[in-house]
C-alpha atoms as a PDB file:
ATOM      1  CA  MET A   1      99.247 129.304  -1.004  1.00  0.00           C
ATOM      2  CA  VAL A   2      96.863 127.542   1.400  1.00  0.00           C
ATOM      3  CA  GLU A   3      93.310 128.178   1.162  1.00  0.00           C
ATOM      4  CA  VAL A   4      91.064 128.538   4.097  1.00  0.00           C
ATOM      5  CA  ALA A   5      87.210 127.852   3.530  1.00  0.00           C
ATOM      6  CA  ILE A   6      85.654 129.848   6.612  1.00  0.00           C
ATOM      7  CA  VAL A   7      82.463 128.675   7.366  1.00  0.00           C
ATOM      8  CA  PRO A   8      79.928 131.548   8.494  1.00  0.00           C
ATOM      9  CA  THR A   9      77.738 131.174  11.667  1.00  0.00           C
ATOM     10  CA  GLY A  10      76.011 134.501  11.265  1.00  0.00           C
ATOM     11  CA  THR A  11      77.412 136.693  13.713  1.00  0.00           C
ATOM     12  CA  ALA A  12      81.187 135.741  13.569  1.00  0.00           C
ATOM     13  CA  ASN A  13      83.879 138.543  13.016  1.00  0.00           C
ATOM     14  CA  LEU A  14      84.645 137.459   9.904  1.00  0.00           C
ATOM     15  CA  ALA A  15      86.756 140.504   8.957  1.00  0.00           C
ATOM     16  CA  SER A  16      89.771 139.951  11.708  1.00  0.00           C
ATOM     17  CA  VAL A  17      89.550 136.114  11.002  1.00  0.00           C
ATOM     18  CA  GLN A  18      90.147 136.632   7.356  1.00  0.00           C
ATOM     19  CA  ALA A  19      92.790 139.444   8.319  1.00  0.00           C
ATOM     20  CA  ALA A  20      95.158 137.199  10.627  1.00  0.00           C
ATOM     21  CA  PHE A  21      95.086 134.240   7.942  1.00  0.00           C
ATOM     22  CA  ARG A  22      95.996 136.728   5.142  1.00  0.00           C
ATOM     23  CA  ARG A  23      99.099 137.885   7.560  1.00  0.00           C
ATOM     24  CA  LEU A  24     100.030 134.646   7.535  1.00  0.00           C
ATOM     25  CA  GLY A  25     100.421 134.366   3.761  1.00  0.00           C
ATOM     26  CA  ALA A  26      96.935 132.120   3.344  1.00  0.00           C
ATOM     27  CA  GLU A  27      93.987 133.145   1.214  1.00  0.00           C
ATOM     28  CA  PRO A  28      90.326 132.964   3.442  1.00  0.00           C
ATOM     29  CA  HIS A  29      87.015 132.605   1.553  1.00  0.00           C
ATOM     30  CA  ILE A  30      83.708 132.573   3.256  1.00  0.00           C
ATOM     31  CA  ILE A  31      81.865 129.573   2.012  1.00  0.00           C
ATOM     32  CA  GLU A  32      78.311 128.307   2.909  1.00  0.00           C
ATOM     33  CA  ASP A  33      77.930 125.214   0.742  1.00  0.00           C
ATOM     34  CA  ALA A  34      78.694 121.491   2.058  1.00  0.00           C
ATOM     35  CA  ALA A  35      80.571 120.434  -0.460  1.00  0.00           C
ATOM     36  CA  THR A  36      83.125 122.808  -0.038  1.00  0.00           C
ATOM     37  CA  VAL A  37      83.316 122.020   3.450  1.00  0.00           C
ATOM     38  CA  ALA A  38      84.011 118.320   2.590  1.00  0.00           C
ATOM     39  CA  SER A  39      86.450 118.791   0.145  1.00  0.00           C
ATOM     40  CA  ALA A  40      88.483 122.388   1.152  1.00  0.00           C
ATOM     41  CA  SER A  41      92.038 121.427   2.669  1.00  0.00           C
ATOM     42  CA  HIS A  42      91.488 123.710   5.678  1.00  0.00           C
ATOM     43  CA  VAL A  43      88.167 124.798   7.488  1.00  0.00           C
ATOM     44  CA  MET A  44      87.727 127.260  10.186  1.00  0.00           C
ATOM     45  CA  LEU A  45      84.770 127.332  12.164  1.00  0.00           C
ATOM     46  CA  PRO A  46      84.343 130.788  13.758  1.00  0.00           C
ATOM     47  CA  GLY A  47      81.428 132.280  16.109  1.00  0.00           C
ATOM     48  CA  VAL A  48      80.443 134.758  18.385  1.00  0.00           C
ATOM     49  CA  GLY A  49      77.000 134.827  19.769  1.00  0.00           C
ATOM     50  CA  ALA A  50      74.636 132.388  20.960  1.00  0.00           C
ATOM     51  CA  PHE A  51      75.096 128.632  20.657  1.00  0.00           C
ATOM     52  CA  GLY A  52      71.721 127.969  19.489  1.00  0.00           C
ATOM     53  CA  ALA A  53      71.143 130.602  16.660  1.00  0.00           C
ATOM     54  CA  SER A  54      74.763 129.562  15.582  1.00  0.00           C
ATOM     55  CA  LEU A  55      73.878 125.987  15.139  1.00  0.00           C
ATOM     56  CA  GLN A  56      70.611 127.020  13.451  1.00  0.00           C
ATOM     57  CA  ARG A  57      72.751 128.786  10.968  1.00  0.00           C
ATOM     58  CA  LEU A  58      74.726 125.482  10.206  1.00  0.00           C
ATOM     59  CA  GLN A  59      71.441 123.257   9.853  1.00  0.00           C
ATOM     60  CA  GLU A  60      69.681 125.621   7.648  1.00  0.00           C
ATOM     61  CA  HIS A  61      72.681 125.152   5.146  1.00  0.00           C
ATOM     62  CA  GLY A  62      73.553 121.283   5.626  1.00  0.00           C
ATOM     63  CA  LEU A  63      76.807 122.613   6.984  1.00  0.00           C
ATOM     64  CA  ASP A  64      76.454 120.442  10.490  1.00  0.00           C
ATOM     65  CA  THR A  65      76.506 117.116   9.151  1.00  0.00           C
ATOM     66  CA  ALA A  66      79.378 118.268   6.567  1.00  0.00           C
ATOM     67  CA  LEU A  67      81.285 119.399   9.411  1.00  0.00           C
ATOM     68  CA  ILE A  68      80.888 116.258  11.602  1.00  0.00           C
ATOM     69  CA  GLU A  69      82.033 114.062   8.810  1.00  0.00           C
ATOM     70  CA  ARG A  70      84.721 116.408   8.135  1.00  0.00           C
ATOM     71  CA  ILE A  71      86.196 116.211  11.572  1.00  0.00           C
ATOM     72  CA  ARG A  72      85.467 112.421  12.197  1.00  0.00           C
ATOM     73  CA  ALA A  73      87.624 112.239   8.762  1.00  0.00           C
ATOM     74  CA  ASP A  74      90.343 113.972  10.685  1.00  0.00           C
ATOM     75  CA  LYS A  75      90.814 116.718   7.933  1.00  0.00           C
ATOM     76  CA  PRO A  76      92.347 120.122   9.095  1.00  0.00           C
ATOM     77  CA  THR A  77      89.765 122.060  11.090  1.00  0.00           C
ATOM     78  CA  ILE A  78      89.839 124.924  13.364  1.00  0.00           C
ATOM     79  CA  ALA A  79      86.963 125.998  15.658  1.00  0.00           C
ATOM     80  CA  ILE A  80      86.799 129.039  17.759  1.00  0.00           C
ATOM     81  CA  CYS A  81      84.739 130.666  20.460  1.00  0.00           C
ATOM     82  CA  VAL A  82      81.315 129.728  20.231  1.00  0.00           C
ATOM     83  CA  GLY A  83      82.423 127.501  16.797  1.00  0.00           C
ATOM     84  CA  HIS A  84      84.446 125.531  19.663  1.00  0.00           C
ATOM     85  CA  GLN A  85      81.578 125.337  22.107  1.00  0.00           C
ATOM     86  CA  LEU A  86      79.304 123.935  18.763  1.00  0.00           C
ATOM     87  CA  LEU A  87      81.747 120.824  18.954  1.00  0.00           C
ATOM     88  CA  PHE A  88      80.082 119.905  22.075  1.00  0.00           C
ATOM     89  CA  GLU A  89      76.720 117.728  22.701  1.00  0.00           C
ATOM     90  CA  THR A  90      74.968 120.482  24.705  1.00  0.00           C
ATOM     91  CA  SER A  91      75.228 124.072  26.124  1.00  0.00           C
ATOM     92  CA  GLU A  92      73.473 125.729  28.844  1.00  0.00           C
ATOM     93  CA  GLU A  93      73.091 128.940  26.958  1.00  0.00           C
ATOM     94  CA  SER A  94      70.589 127.348  24.542  1.00  0.00           C
ATOM     95  CA  PRO A  95      68.823 124.535  26.831  1.00  0.00           C
ATOM     96  CA  GLY A  96      67.514 121.647  24.467  1.00  0.00           C
ATOM     97  CA  VAL A  97      69.654 122.554  21.827  1.00  0.00           C
ATOM     98  CA  GLY A  98      71.917 119.540  20.718  1.00  0.00           C
ATOM     99  CA  GLY A  99      75.620 120.490  19.323  1.00  0.00           C
ATOM    100  CA  LEU A 100      77.576 118.563  17.035  1.00  0.00           C
ATOM    101  CA  GLY A 101      78.600 115.967  19.659  1.00  0.00           C
ATOM    102  CA  ILE A 102      82.119 115.674  18.282  1.00  0.00           C
ATOM    103  CA  VAL A 103      83.096 115.902  22.306  1.00  0.00           C
ATOM    104  CA  GLN A 104      81.270 113.981  24.802  1.00  0.00           C
ATOM    105  CA  ALA A 105      80.946 116.797  27.167  1.00  0.00           C
ATOM    106  CA  ARG A 106      78.718 119.916  27.625  1.00  0.00           C
ATOM    107  CA  ILE A 107      79.297 123.702  27.827  1.00  0.00           C
ATOM    108  CA  ALA A 108      78.297 125.597  31.148  1.00  0.00           C
ATOM    109  CA  ARG A 109      78.031 128.993  32.507  1.00  0.00           C
ATOM    110  CA  PHE A 110      81.091 130.568  34.341  1.00  0.00           C
ATOM    111  CA  PRO A 111      80.039 130.336  38.123  1.00  0.00           C
ATOM    112  CA  ALA A 112      78.380 133.290  39.655  1.00  0.00           C
ATOM    113  CA  SER A 113      81.730 133.858  41.932  1.00  0.00           C
ATOM    114  CA  VAL A 114      83.509 135.527  38.697  1.00  0.00           C
ATOM    115  CA  ARG A 115      83.214 138.383  36.538  1.00  0.00           C
ATOM    116  CA  THR A 116      81.174 137.256  33.349  1.00  0.00           C
ATOM    117  CA  PRO A 117      81.567 137.518  30.449  1.00  0.00           C
ATOM    118  CA  GLN A 118      85.440 137.086  30.515  1.00  0.00           C
ATOM    119  CA  PHE A 119      86.910 139.661  28.633  1.00  0.00           C
ATOM    120  CA  GLY A 120      90.632 140.084  28.053  1.00  0.00           C
ATOM    121  CA  TRP A 121      93.735 138.061  28.362  1.00  0.00           C
ATOM    122  CA  ASN A 122      94.235 135.239  30.328  1.00  0.00           C
ATOM    123  CA  GLU A 123      97.414 132.458  30.722  1.00  0.00           C
ATOM    124  CA  VAL A 124      96.858 129.229  28.789  1.00  0.00           C
ATOM    125  CA  ALA A 125      98.621 126.123  30.003  1.00  0.00           C
ATOM    126  CA  ALA A 126      99.075 123.092  27.447  1.00  0.00           C
ATOM    127  CA  GLU A 127      99.442 119.260  28.558  1.00  0.00           C
ATOM    128  CA  ASP A 128     102.642 117.875  27.435  1.00  0.00           C
ATOM    129  CA  ALA A 129     100.773 115.385  25.017  1.00  0.00           C
ATOM    130  CA  CYS A 130      99.646 118.517  22.913  1.00  0.00           C
ATOM    131  CA  ASN A 131     101.250 118.717  19.311  1.00  0.00           C
ATOM    132  CA  LEU A 132      99.760 122.042  18.252  1.00  0.00           C
ATOM    133  CA  LEU A 133      98.719 123.735  21.270  1.00  0.00           C
ATOM    134  CA  ASP A 134     101.210 125.625  23.489  1.00  0.00           C
ATOM    135  CA  SER A 135     101.456 127.538  26.508  1.00  0.00           C
ATOM    136  CA  GLY A 136     101.060 131.395  26.331  1.00  0.00           C
ATOM    137  CA  TYR A 137      98.546 133.975  26.922  1.00  0.00           C
ATOM    138  CA  ALA A 138      95.619 134.280  24.808  1.00  0.00           C
ATOM    139  CA  TYR A 139      92.365 136.799  24.471  1.00  0.00           C
ATOM    140  CA  PHE A 140      88.928 135.477  25.632  1.00  0.00           C
ATOM    141  CA  ALA A 141      85.660 136.678  25.437  1.00  0.00           C
ATOM    142  CA  ASN A 142      82.976 134.057  26.611  1.00  0.00           C
ATOM    143  CA  SER A 143      80.111 133.703  29.243  1.00  0.00           C
ATOM    144  CA  TYR A 144      80.510 129.985  29.023  1.00  0.00           C
ATOM    145  CA  ARG A 145      83.127 127.180  28.677  1.00  0.00           C
ATOM    146  CA  ALA A 146      83.831 123.268  29.116  1.00  0.00           C
ATOM    147  CA  THR A 147      85.509 122.188  32.016  1.00  0.00           C
ATOM    148  CA  GLU A 148      86.221 118.671  30.066  1.00  0.00           C
ATOM    149  CA  ALA A 149      86.894 117.342  26.749  1.00  0.00           C
ATOM    150  CA  PRO A 150      87.032 113.557  27.168  1.00  0.00           C
ATOM    151  CA  GLY A 151      89.467 111.983  24.489  1.00  0.00           C
ATOM    152  CA  TRP A 152      91.205 115.199  23.559  1.00  0.00           C
ATOM    153  CA  GLN A 153      94.952 116.705  24.600  1.00  0.00           C
ATOM    154  CA  VAL A 154      93.871 119.981  26.467  1.00  0.00           C
ATOM    155  CA  ALA A 155      95.148 123.300  27.141  1.00  0.00           C
ATOM    156  CA  ARG A 156      93.574 124.930  30.157  1.00  0.00           C
ATOM    157  CA  ALA A 157      93.085 128.293  31.627  1.00  0.00           C
ATOM    158  CA  GLU A 158      91.429 129.366  35.145  1.00  0.00           C
ATOM    159  CA  HIS A 159      88.335 131.592  35.591  1.00  0.00           C
ATOM    160  CA  GLY A 160      86.331 130.481  38.227  1.00  0.00           C
ATOM    161  CA  GLY A 161      88.010 127.139  38.292  1.00  0.00           C
ATOM    162  CA  PRO A 162      90.121 125.428  35.679  1.00  0.00           C
ATOM    163  CA  PHE A 163      88.378 125.224  31.915  1.00  0.00           C
ATOM    164  CA  VAL A 164      89.083 124.038  28.505  1.00  0.00           C
ATOM    165  CA  ALA A 165      90.979 126.892  26.768  1.00  0.00           C
ATOM    166  CA  ALA A 166      91.744 124.746  23.618  1.00  0.00           C
ATOM    167  CA  MET A 167      92.008 121.233  22.660  1.00  0.00           C
ATOM    168  CA  GLU A 168      93.402 119.218  20.030  1.00  0.00           C
ATOM    169  CA  LYS A 169      92.822 115.735  18.376  1.00  0.00           C
ATOM    170  CA  GLY A 170      94.929 115.183  15.247  1.00  0.00           C
ATOM    171  CA  ASN A 171      94.397 117.578  12.842  1.00  0.00           C
ATOM    172  CA  VAL A 172      91.334 118.921  14.547  1.00  0.00           C
ATOM    173  CA  ILE A 173      91.771 122.056  17.036  1.00  0.00           C
ATOM    174  CA  GLY A 174      89.228 123.828  19.180  1.00  0.00           C
ATOM    175  CA  CYS A 175      89.754 127.329  20.664  1.00  0.00           C
ATOM    176  CA  GLN A 176      87.712 128.849  23.167  1.00  0.00           C
ATOM    177  CA  PHE A 177      90.091 131.738  23.026  1.00  0.00           C
ATOM    178  CA  HIS A 178      90.280 133.912  19.798  1.00  0.00           C
ATOM    179  CA  PRO A 179      93.803 133.515  17.895  1.00  0.00           C
ATOM    180  CA  GLU A 180      93.068 135.876  15.619  1.00  0.00           C
ATOM    181  CA  LEU A 181      93.166 138.598  18.555  1.00  0.00           C
ATOM    182  CA  SER A 182      95.695 136.827  20.769  1.00  0.00           C
ATOM    183  CA  GLY A 183      98.999 138.578  19.058  1.00  0.00           C
ATOM    184  CA  ASP A 184     102.049 136.291  18.126  1.00  0.00           C
ATOM    185  CA  TYR A 185     100.712 133.554  20.308  1.00  0.00           C
ATOM    186  CA  GLY A 186      97.604 133.176  18.421  1.00  0.00           C
ATOM    187  CA  ALA A 187      99.312 133.971  14.835  1.00  0.00           C
ATOM    188  CA  ALA A 188     101.717 130.974  15.700  1.00  0.00           C
ATOM    189  CA  LEU A 189      98.734 128.623  16.081  1.00  0.00           C
ATOM    190  CA  LEU A 190      97.074 129.662  13.212  1.00  0.00           C
ATOM    191  CA  SER A 191     100.509 129.110  11.172  1.00  0.00           C
ATOM    192  CA  ARG A 192     100.915 125.623  12.839  1.00  0.00           C
ATOM    193  CA  PHE A 193      97.287 124.881  11.604  1.00  0.00           C
ATOM    194  CA  LEU A 194      98.214 125.929   8.217  1.00  0.00           C
ATOM    195  CA  GLU A 195     100.859 123.485   8.053  1.00  0.00           C
ATOM    196  CA  LEU A 196      98.776 120.664   8.354  1.00  0.00           C
ATOM    197  CA  GLY A 197      97.327 118.101   5.960  1.00  0.00           C
END
């Protein structure tokens, strides 16, 4: 049985994330120590709420550095929603706050021309080079997004223009959408994540 270490960011819906992994036969655990982040076979960084507050929670427990080192070592890691946004350098949501800086790009708010936040299902189109990401329909709940992820394979969606719906590099996945709320499509992605390593 694969054990998944889930890193709390303070406001994530941990119950639905844990339930999604249990349905796939995995055993999720909530962890808040850097040593476990470093040693776990699989780690998830979820997040709902504000970029700055989520980052502060990680920093208070020394988890920011542990996550950066883990991702740079290409250990199986998946980040979703605000967790995904934390992988970037900065976000318009929290001016002056630096993210984990794994991805050399920034997070910006959707343009005023579209409904914000985006709530509901949207089509995801994965690049041919993607190994873990697939095309399909996923559930989103977000006001901010990235429009690029240099050096990563990307799946895109459209809302006020194309944006990064998900990205992958090696054994690391970032999802702006919620795979735990995305039915069979999301379950298939989480299943592929559990097979890594």
